[in-house]
Amino acid sequence: MRYVYWQDAGVWLGYLENYPDYLTQGETIEGLEENLRDIFKELSSDNIPCVRKVAELQVS
């Protein structure tokens, strides 16, 4: 799964590309990746209502 990340004020921030509304952070890139895995487990468990997702639409 792809994710977007950046460093700001000494902390790593990021979100899963398919779930851009759910931002997390970590003190290290490894910590960020661990938190992203946890978010993915929660979001894909159907325990959280109204989860927004990203998809592509073919128009031609």
Protein backbone atom coordinates (compact mmCIF):
# COMPACT_ATOMS: atom_id res chain seq x y z
CA MET A 1 0.00 0.00 0.00
CA ARG A 2 1.33 3.41 -0.91
CA TYR A 3 1.54 6.27 1.57
CA VAL A 4 2.42 9.96 1.51
CA TYR A 5 4.87 11.24 4.13
CA TRP A 6 6.98 14.22 5.11
CA GLN A 7 9.01 15.51 8.05
CA ASP A 8 7.94 18.58 9.99
CA ALA A 9 9.50 19.92 13.19
CA GLY A 10 11.41 16.70 13.82
CA VAL A 11 8.45 14.34 13.48
CA TRP A 12 7.35 12.20 10.52
CA LEU A 13 3.79 12.75 9.29
CA GLY A 14 1.88 10.70 6.76
CA TYR A 15 -1.29 9.09 5.52
CA LEU A 16 -2.29 6.12 3.41
CA GLU A 17 -2.89 7.17 -0.18
CA ASN A 18 -6.30 5.45 -0.23
CA TYR A 19 -7.32 7.07 3.07
CA PRO A 20 -6.09 10.70 2.94
CA ASP A 21 -8.37 11.85 5.77
CA TYR A 22 -6.48 9.79 8.38
CA LEU A 23 -3.17 11.46 9.20
CA THR A 24 -0.73 9.93 11.68
CA GLN A 25 2.81 10.58 12.90
CA GLY A 26 5.91 8.89 14.24
CA GLU A 27 9.19 9.95 15.81
CA THR A 28 10.97 7.84 13.16
CA ILE A 29 9.99 6.65 9.68
CA GLU A 30 9.67 3.14 11.14
CA GLY A 31 7.33 4.46 13.84
CA LEU A 32 5.26 6.22 11.20
CA GLU A 33 4.98 3.01 9.17
CA GLU A 34 3.87 1.08 12.25
CA ASN A 35 1.15 3.65 12.94
CA LEU A 36 0.05 3.54 9.30
CA ARG A 37 -0.31 -0.26 9.55
CA ASP A 38 -2.46 0.17 12.66
CA ILE A 39 -4.66 2.72 10.89
CA PHE A 40 -5.08 0.38 7.93
CA LYS A 41 -6.18 -2.46 10.22
CA GLU A 42 -8.75 -0.22 11.88
CA LEU A 43 -10.08 1.25 8.64
CA SER A 44 -10.40 -2.09 6.90
CA SER A 45 -12.13 -3.77 9.88
CA ASP A 46 -15.47 -2.01 9.20
CA ASN A 47 -15.55 -0.86 12.84
CA ILE A 48 -15.25 2.80 11.82
CA PRO A 49 -18.36 4.24 10.13
CA CYS A 50 -18.25 6.56 7.09
CA VAL A 51 -14.65 5.85 6.03
CA ARG A 52 -13.78 7.94 2.96
CA LYS A 53 -11.76 6.26 0.24
CA VAL A 54 -10.08 7.31 -3.01
CA ALA A 55 -10.86 5.62 -6.35
CA GLU A 56 -10.34 6.27 -10.04
CA LEU A 57 -13.18 6.69 -12.51
CA GLN A 58 -12.76 5.86 -16.21
CA VAL A 59 -14.63 8.47 -18.24
CA SER A 60 -13.77 7.59 -21.80
